[in-house]
PDB file of all heavy atoms in Angstrom:
ATOM      1  N   ARG A   1      70.353-164.758  50.009  1.00  0.00           N
ATOM      2  CA  ARG A   1      69.046-165.021  49.382  1.00  0.00           C
ATOM      3  C   ARG A   1      68.240-166.010  50.219  1.00  0.00           C
ATOM      4  O   ARG A   1      67.054-165.813  50.477  1.00  0.00           O
ATOM      5  CB  ARG A   1      69.249-165.563  47.967  1.00  0.00           C
ATOM      6  CG  ARG A   1      67.959-165.810  47.196  1.00  0.00           C
ATOM      7  CD  ARG A   1      68.248-166.089  45.729  1.00  0.00           C
ATOM      8  NE  ARG A   1      67.038-166.361  44.973  1.00  0.00           N
ATOM      9  CZ  ARG A   1      66.522-167.572  44.808  1.00  0.00           C
ATOM     10  NH1 ARG A   1      67.136-168.628  45.342  1.00  0.00           N
ATOM     11  NH2 ARG A   1      65.422-167.743  44.097  1.00  0.00           N
ATOM     12  N   GLY A   2      68.915-167.074  50.669  1.00  0.00           N
ATOM     13  CA  GLY A   2      68.230-168.053  51.488  1.00  0.00           C
ATOM     14  C   GLY A   2      67.803-167.482  52.827  1.00  0.00           C
ATOM     15  O   GLY A   2      66.711-167.770  53.332  1.00  0.00           O
ATOM     16  N   GLU A   3      68.673-166.642  53.431  1.00  0.00           N
ATOM     17  CA  GLU A   3      68.331-166.009  54.696  1.00  0.00           C
ATOM     18  C   GLU A   3      67.102-165.121  54.538  1.00  0.00           C
ATOM     19  O   GLU A   3      66.182-165.147  55.370  1.00  0.00           O
ATOM     20  CB  GLU A   3      69.517-165.181  55.203  1.00  0.00           C
ATOM     21  CG  GLU A   3      69.262-164.510  56.544  1.00  0.00           C
ATOM     22  CD  GLU A   3      70.397-163.601  57.001  1.00  0.00           C
ATOM     23  OE1 GLU A   3      71.300-163.299  56.177  1.00  0.00           O
ATOM     24  OE2 GLU A   3      70.379-163.185  58.178  1.00  0.00           O
ATOM     25  N   MET A   4      67.063-164.343  53.457  1.00  0.00           N
ATOM     26  CA  MET A   4      65.951-163.431  53.253  1.00  0.00           C
ATOM     27  C   MET A   4      64.665-164.182  52.967  1.00  0.00           C
ATOM     28  O   MET A   4      63.581-163.760  53.400  1.00  0.00           O
ATOM     29  CB  MET A   4      66.275-162.463  52.110  1.00  0.00           C
ATOM     30  CG  MET A   4      65.383-161.225  52.089  1.00  0.00           C
ATOM     31  SD  MET A   4      65.551-160.192  53.567  1.00  0.00           S
ATOM     32  CE  MET A   4      63.826-160.008  54.056  1.00  0.00           C
ATOM     33  N   GLN A   5      64.737-165.301  52.263  1.00  0.00           N
ATOM     34  CA  GLN A   5      63.534-166.097  52.009  1.00  0.00           C
ATOM     35  C   GLN A   5      62.927-166.583  53.324  1.00  0.00           C
ATOM     36  O   GLN A   5      61.705-166.540  53.517  1.00  0.00           O
ATOM     37  CB  GLN A   5      63.873-167.281  51.105  1.00  0.00           C
ATOM     38  CG  GLN A   5      64.100-166.908  49.656  1.00  0.00           C
ATOM     39  CD  GLN A   5      64.510-168.098  48.803  1.00  0.00           C
ATOM     40  OE1 GLN A   5      65.017-169.114  49.303  1.00  0.00           O
ATOM     41  NE2 GLN A   5      64.277-168.005  47.506  1.00  0.00           N
ATOM     42  N   ARG A   6      63.771-167.049  54.209  1.00  0.00           N
ATOM     43  CA  ARG A   6      63.286-167.492  55.522  1.00  0.00           C
ATOM     44  C   ARG A   6      62.668-166.340  56.299  1.00  0.00           C
ATOM     45  O   ARG A   6      61.622-166.491  56.945  1.00  0.00           O
ATOM     46  CB  ARG A   6      64.431-168.108  56.331  1.00  0.00           C
ATOM     47  CG  ARG A   6      64.979-169.412  55.777  1.00  0.00           C
ATOM     48  CD  ARG A   6      66.219-169.856  56.567  1.00  0.00           C
ATOM     49  NE  ARG A   6      66.752-171.115  56.091  1.00  0.00           N
ATOM     50  CZ  ARG A   6      67.867-171.673  56.569  1.00  0.00           C
ATOM     51  NH1 ARG A   6      68.555-171.067  57.541  1.00  0.00           N
ATOM     52  NH2 ARG A   6      68.298-172.828  56.090  1.00  0.00           N
ATOM     53  N   LEU A   7      63.317-165.179  56.253  1.00  0.00           N
ATOM     54  CA  LEU A   7      62.814-164.027  56.988  1.00  0.00           C
ATOM     55  C   LEU A   7      61.519-163.491  56.388  1.00  0.00           C
ATOM     56  O   LEU A   7      60.609-163.083  57.127  1.00  0.00           O
ATOM     57  CB  LEU A   7      63.876-162.924  57.032  1.00  0.00           C
ATOM     58  CG  LEU A   7      65.059-163.208  57.953  1.00  0.00           C
ATOM     59  CD1 LEU A   7      66.187-162.217  57.712  1.00  0.00           C
ATOM     60  CD2 LEU A   7      64.635-163.178  59.420  1.00  0.00           C
ATOM     61  N   ASP A   8      61.417-163.471  55.063  1.00  0.00           N
ATOM     62  CA  ASP A   8      60.167-163.053  54.423  1.00  0.00           C
ATOM     63  C   ASP A   8      59.012-163.909  54.941  1.00  0.00           C
ATOM     64  O   ASP A   8      57.937-163.397  55.265  1.00  0.00           O
ATOM     65  CB  ASP A   8      60.268-163.198  52.900  1.00  0.00           C
ATOM     66  CG  ASP A   8      61.012-162.048  52.239  1.00  0.00           C
ATOM     67  OD1 ASP A   8      61.058-160.951  52.824  1.00  0.00           O
ATOM     68  OD2 ASP A   8      61.551-162.248  51.136  1.00  0.00           O
ATOM     69  N   TRP A   9      59.242-165.199  54.996  1.00  0.00           N
ATOM     70  CA  TRP A   9      58.200-166.126  55.465  1.00  0.00           C
ATOM     71  C   TRP A   9      57.825-165.833  56.910  1.00  0.00           C
ATOM     72  O   TRP A   9      56.650-165.663  57.247  1.00  0.00           O
ATOM     73  CB  TRP A   9      58.712-167.564  55.322  1.00  0.00           C
ATOM     74  CG  TRP A   9      57.804-168.583  55.945  1.00  0.00           C
ATOM     75  CD1 TRP A   9      56.641-169.074  55.429  1.00  0.00           C
ATOM     76  CD2 TRP A   9      57.996-169.227  57.217  1.00  0.00           C
ATOM     77  NE1 TRP A   9      56.095-169.984  56.312  1.00  0.00           N
ATOM     78  CE2 TRP A   9      56.893-170.100  57.399  1.00  0.00           C
ATOM     79  CE3 TRP A   9      58.985-169.155  58.200  1.00  0.00           C
ATOM     80  CZ2 TRP A   9      56.762-170.894  58.546  1.00  0.00           C
ATOM     81  CZ3 TRP A   9      58.857-169.941  59.339  1.00  0.00           C
ATOM     82  CH2 TRP A   9      57.763-170.796  59.503  1.00  0.00           C
ATOM     83  N   ALA A  10      58.833-165.746  57.781  1.00  0.00           N
ATOM     84  CA  ALA A  10      58.573-165.578  59.213  1.00  0.00           C
ATOM     85  C   ALA A  10      58.007-164.204  59.542  1.00  0.00           C
ATOM     86  O   ALA A  10      57.014-164.084  60.288  1.00  0.00           O
ATOM     87  CB  ALA A  10      59.854-165.816  59.999  1.00  0.00           C
ATOM     88  N   LEU A  11      58.613-163.157  59.019  1.00  0.00           N
ATOM     89  CA  LEU A  11      58.177-161.806  59.355  1.00  0.00           C
ATOM     90  C   LEU A  11      56.783-161.522  58.818  1.00  0.00           C
ATOM     91  O   LEU A  11      55.992-160.811  59.458  1.00  0.00           O
ATOM     92  CB  LEU A  11      59.183-160.782  58.818  1.00  0.00           C
ATOM     93  CG  LEU A  11      60.573-160.851  59.467  1.00  0.00           C
ATOM     94  CD1 LEU A  11      61.544-159.917  58.736  1.00  0.00           C
ATOM     95  CD2 LEU A  11      60.518-160.475  60.943  1.00  0.00           C
ATOM     96  N   GLY A  12      56.467-162.074  57.654  1.00  0.00           N
ATOM     97  CA  GLY A  12      55.120-161.905  57.109  1.00  0.00           C
ATOM     98  C   GLY A  12      54.065-162.486  58.029  1.00  0.00           C
ATOM     99  O   GLY A  12      53.017-161.873  58.285  1.00  0.00           O
ATOM    100  N   ILE A  13      54.335-163.674  58.549  1.00  0.00           N
ATOM    101  CA  ILE A  13      53.391-164.325  59.469  1.00  0.00           C
ATOM    102  C   ILE A  13      53.284-163.538  60.771  1.00  0.00           C
ATOM    103  O   ILE A  13      52.180-163.272  61.273  1.00  0.00           O
ATOM    104  CB  ILE A  13      53.836-165.773  59.746  1.00  0.00           C
ATOM    105  CG1 ILE A  13      53.715-166.605  58.468  1.00  0.00           C
ATOM    106  CG2 ILE A  13      53.015-166.383  60.878  1.00  0.00           C
ATOM    107  CD1 ILE A  13      54.358-167.974  58.567  1.00  0.00           C
ATOM    108  N   ILE A  14      54.423-163.150  61.334  1.00  0.00           N
ATOM    109  CA  ILE A  14      54.410-162.457  62.624  1.00  0.00           C
ATOM    110  C   ILE A  14      53.711-161.109  62.516  1.00  0.00           C
ATOM    111  O   ILE A  14      52.906-160.737  63.392  1.00  0.00           O
ATOM    112  CB  ILE A  14      55.846-162.284  63.164  1.00  0.00           C
ATOM    113  CG1 ILE A  14      56.467-163.647  63.454  1.00  0.00           C
ATOM    114  CG2 ILE A  14      55.842-161.426  64.430  1.00  0.00           C
ATOM    115  CD1 ILE A  14      57.952-163.590  63.768  1.00  0.00           C
ATOM    116  N   ARG A  15      53.988-160.366  61.457  1.00  0.00           N
ATOM    117  CA  ARG A  15      53.337-159.068  61.291  1.00  0.00           C
ATOM    118  C   ARG A  15      51.826-159.235  61.093  1.00  0.00           C
ATOM    119  O   ARG A  15      51.042-158.365  61.490  1.00  0.00           O
ATOM    120  CB  ARG A  15      53.946-158.313  60.109  1.00  0.00           C
ATOM    121  CG  ARG A  15      55.253-157.606  60.439  1.00  0.00           C
ATOM    122  CD  ARG A  15      55.030-156.526  61.460  1.00  0.00           C
ATOM    123  NE  ARG A  15      56.245-155.760  61.784  1.00  0.00           N
ATOM    124  CZ  ARG A  15      56.549-155.338  62.997  1.00  0.00           C
ATOM    125  NH1 ARG A  15      55.745-155.608  64.001  1.00  0.00           N
ATOM    126  NH2 ARG A  15      57.634-154.643  63.214  1.00  0.00           N
ATOM    127  N   ARG A  16      51.406-160.356  60.533  1.00  0.00           N
ATOM    128  CA  ARG A  16      49.973-160.588  60.340  1.00  0.00           C
ATOM    129  C   ARG A  16      49.282-160.906  61.665  1.00  0.00           C
ATOM    130  O   ARG A  16      48.202-160.392  61.949  1.00  0.00           O
ATOM    131  CB  ARG A  16      49.757-161.741  59.354  1.00  0.00           C
ATOM    132  CG  ARG A  16      48.279-161.952  59.001  1.00  0.00           C
ATOM    133  CD  ARG A  16      48.076-163.083  58.014  1.00  0.00           C
ATOM    134  NE  ARG A  16      48.229-164.388  58.652  1.00  0.00           N
ATOM    135  CZ  ARG A  16      49.150-165.279  58.328  1.00  0.00           C
ATOM    136  NH1 ARG A  16      50.047-165.002  57.393  1.00  0.00           N
ATOM    137  NH2 ARG A  16      49.191-166.451  58.939  1.00  0.00           N
ATOM    138  N   VAL A  17      49.897-161.738  62.485  1.00  0.00           N
ATOM    139  CA  VAL A  17      49.236-162.180  63.716  1.00  0.00           C
ATOM    140  C   VAL A  17      49.470-161.217  64.881  1.00  0.00           C
ATOM    141  O   VAL A  17      48.682-161.185  65.829  1.00  0.00           O
ATOM    142  CB  VAL A  17      49.688-163.606  64.101  1.00  0.00           C
ATOM    143  CG1 VAL A  17      49.369-164.585  62.992  1.00  0.00           C
ATOM    144  CG2 VAL A  17      51.171-163.654  64.459  1.00  0.00           C
ATOM    145  N   SER A  18      50.549-160.438  64.827  1.00  0.00           N
ATOM    146  CA  SER A  18      50.840-159.496  65.916  1.00  0.00           C
ATOM    147  C   SER A  18      51.525-158.259  65.337  1.00  0.00           C
ATOM    148  O   SER A  18      52.737-158.077  65.476  1.00  0.00           O
ATOM    149  CB  SER A  18      51.735-160.163  66.966  1.00  0.00           C
ATOM    150  OG  SER A  18      51.895-159.333  68.089  1.00  0.00           O
ATOM    151  N   PRO A  19      50.752-157.394  64.685  1.00  0.00           N
ATOM    152  CA  PRO A  19      51.345-156.286  63.923  1.00  0.00           C
ATOM    153  C   PRO A  19      52.118-155.269  64.745  1.00  0.00           C
ATOM    154  O   PRO A  19      52.981-154.576  64.213  1.00  0.00           O
ATOM    155  CB  PRO A  19      50.124-155.639  63.243  1.00  0.00           C
ATOM    156  CG  PRO A  19      48.944-156.080  64.040  1.00  0.00           C
ATOM    157  CD  PRO A  19      49.287-157.435  64.558  1.00  0.00           C
ATOM    158  N   ASP A  20      51.832-155.175  66.042  1.00  0.00           N
ATOM    159  CA  ASP A  20      52.459-154.127  66.841  1.00  0.00           C
ATOM    160  C   ASP A  20      53.653-154.598  67.663  1.00  0.00           C
ATOM    161  O   ASP A  20      54.279-153.795  68.365  1.00  0.00           O
ATOM    162  CB  ASP A  20      51.422-153.510  67.792  1.00  0.00           C
ATOM    163  CG  ASP A  20      50.293-152.813  67.045  1.00  0.00           C
ATOM    164  OD1 ASP A  20      50.568-152.245  65.968  1.00  0.00           O
ATOM    165  OD2 ASP A  20      49.152-152.851  67.533  1.00  0.00           O
ATOM    166  N   VAL A  21      53.983-155.880  67.604  1.00  0.00           N
ATOM    167  CA  VAL A  21      55.088-156.381  68.411  1.00  0.00           C
ATOM    168  C   VAL A  21      56.407-155.756  67.959  1.00  0.00           C
ATOM    169  O   VAL A  21      56.607-155.493  66.764  1.00  0.00           O
ATOM    170  CB  VAL A  21      55.174-157.923  68.328  1.00  0.00           C
ATOM    171  CG1 VAL A  21      55.507-158.388  66.916  1.00  0.00           C
ATOM    172  CG2 VAL A  21      56.211-158.460  69.310  1.00  0.00           C
ATOM    173  N   ILE A  22      57.283-155.469  68.907  1.00  0.00           N
ATOM    174  CA  ILE A  22      58.612-154.965  68.572  1.00  0.00           C
ATOM    175  C   ILE A  22      59.436-156.124  68.032  1.00  0.00           C
ATOM    176  O   ILE A  22      59.636-157.137  68.711  1.00  0.00           O
ATOM    177  CB  ILE A  22      59.299-154.348  69.802  1.00  0.00           C
ATOM    178  CG1 ILE A  22      58.487-153.167  70.332  1.00  0.00           C
ATOM    179  CG2 ILE A  22      60.720-153.887  69.445  1.00  0.00           C
ATOM    180  CD1 ILE A  22      59.030-152.562  71.617  1.00  0.00           C
ATOM    181  N   LEU A  23      59.921-155.986  66.798  1.00  0.00           N
ATOM    182  CA  LEU A  23      60.659-157.048  66.134  1.00  0.00           C
ATOM    183  C   LEU A  23      62.123-156.667  65.954  1.00  0.00           C
ATOM    184  O   LEU A  23      62.441-155.600  65.439  1.00  0.00           O
ATOM    185  CB  LEU A  23      60.056-157.353  64.751  1.00  0.00           C
ATOM    186  CG  LEU A  23      58.765-158.153  64.709  1.00  0.00           C
ATOM    187  CD1 LEU A  23      58.347-158.385  63.262  1.00  0.00           C
ATOM    188  CD2 LEU A  23      58.930-159.483  65.431  1.00  0.00           C
ATOM    189  N   SER A  24      62.982-157.568  66.366  1.00  0.00           N
ATOM    190  CA  SER A  24      64.418-157.466  66.118  1.00  0.00           C
ATOM    191  C   SER A  24      64.793-158.543  65.111  1.00  0.00           C
ATOM    192  O   SER A  24      64.283-159.666  65.178  1.00  0.00           O
ATOM    193  CB  SER A  24      65.178-157.683  67.434  1.00  0.00           C
ATOM    194  OG  SER A  24      66.555-157.902  67.202  1.00  0.00           O
ATOM    195  N   VAL A  25      65.665-158.206  64.189  1.00  0.00           N
ATOM    196  CA  VAL A  25      66.143-159.193  63.215  1.00  0.00           C
ATOM    197  C   VAL A  25      67.625-159.437  63.455  1.00  0.00           C
ATOM    198  O   VAL A  25      68.430-158.505  63.495  1.00  0.00           O
ATOM    199  CB  VAL A  25      65.897-158.728  61.765  1.00  0.00           C
ATOM    200  CG1 VAL A  25      66.577-159.674  60.781  1.00  0.00           C
ATOM    201  CG2 VAL A  25      64.400-158.663  61.482  1.00  0.00           C
ATOM    202  N   ASP A  26      67.944-160.697  63.636  1.00  0.00           N
ATOM    203  CA  ASP A  26      69.312-161.144  63.921  1.00  0.00           C
ATOM    204  C   ASP A  26      70.010-161.439  62.602  1.00  0.00           C
ATOM    205  O   ASP A  26      69.823-162.507  62.012  1.00  0.00           O
ATOM    206  CB  ASP A  26      69.218-162.392  64.809  1.00  0.00           C
ATOM    207  CG  ASP A  26      70.576-162.950  65.203  1.00  0.00           C
ATOM    208  OD1 ASP A  26      71.602-162.413  64.747  1.00  0.00           O
ATOM    209  OD2 ASP A  26      70.606-163.928  65.962  1.00  0.00           O
ATOM    210  N   THR A  27      70.804-160.473  62.120  1.00  0.00           N
ATOM    211  CA  THR A  27      71.524-160.657  60.864  1.00  0.00           C
ATOM    212  C   THR A  27      72.813-159.846  60.879  1.00  0.00           C
ATOM    213  O   THR A  27      72.883-158.799  61.524  1.00  0.00           O
ATOM    214  CB  THR A  27      70.667-160.236  59.650  1.00  0.00           C
ATOM    215  OG1 THR A  27      71.380-160.528  58.434  1.00  0.00           O
ATOM    216  CG2 THR A  27      70.335-158.741  59.677  1.00  0.00           C
ATOM    217  N   TYR A  28      73.829-160.337  60.179  1.00  0.00           N
ATOM    218  CA  TYR A  28      75.063-159.571  60.032  1.00  0.00           C
ATOM    219  C   TYR A  28      75.219-159.037  58.617  1.00  0.00           C
ATOM    220  O   TYR A  28      76.251-158.471  58.268  1.00  0.00           O
ATOM    221  CB  TYR A  28      76.286-160.414  60.415  1.00  0.00           C
ATOM    222  CG  TYR A  28      76.408-161.746  59.703  1.00  0.00           C
ATOM    223  CD1 TYR A  28      76.852-161.822  58.382  1.00  0.00           C
ATOM    224  CD2 TYR A  28      76.101-162.932  60.348  1.00  0.00           C
ATOM    225  CE1 TYR A  28      76.980-163.030  57.727  1.00  0.00           C
ATOM    226  CE2 TYR A  28      76.224-164.156  59.713  1.00  0.00           C
ATOM    227  CZ  TYR A  28      76.659-164.205  58.400  1.00  0.00           C
ATOM    228  OH  TYR A  28      76.780-165.416  57.752  1.00  0.00           O
TER     229      TYR A  28
END
């Protein structure tokens, strides 16, 4: 839950400022 909260915050910002960038998510 904590990991996803952090990712929601970060990915939301990144997709807003650079929508076309190739994004990899580091998670197991």
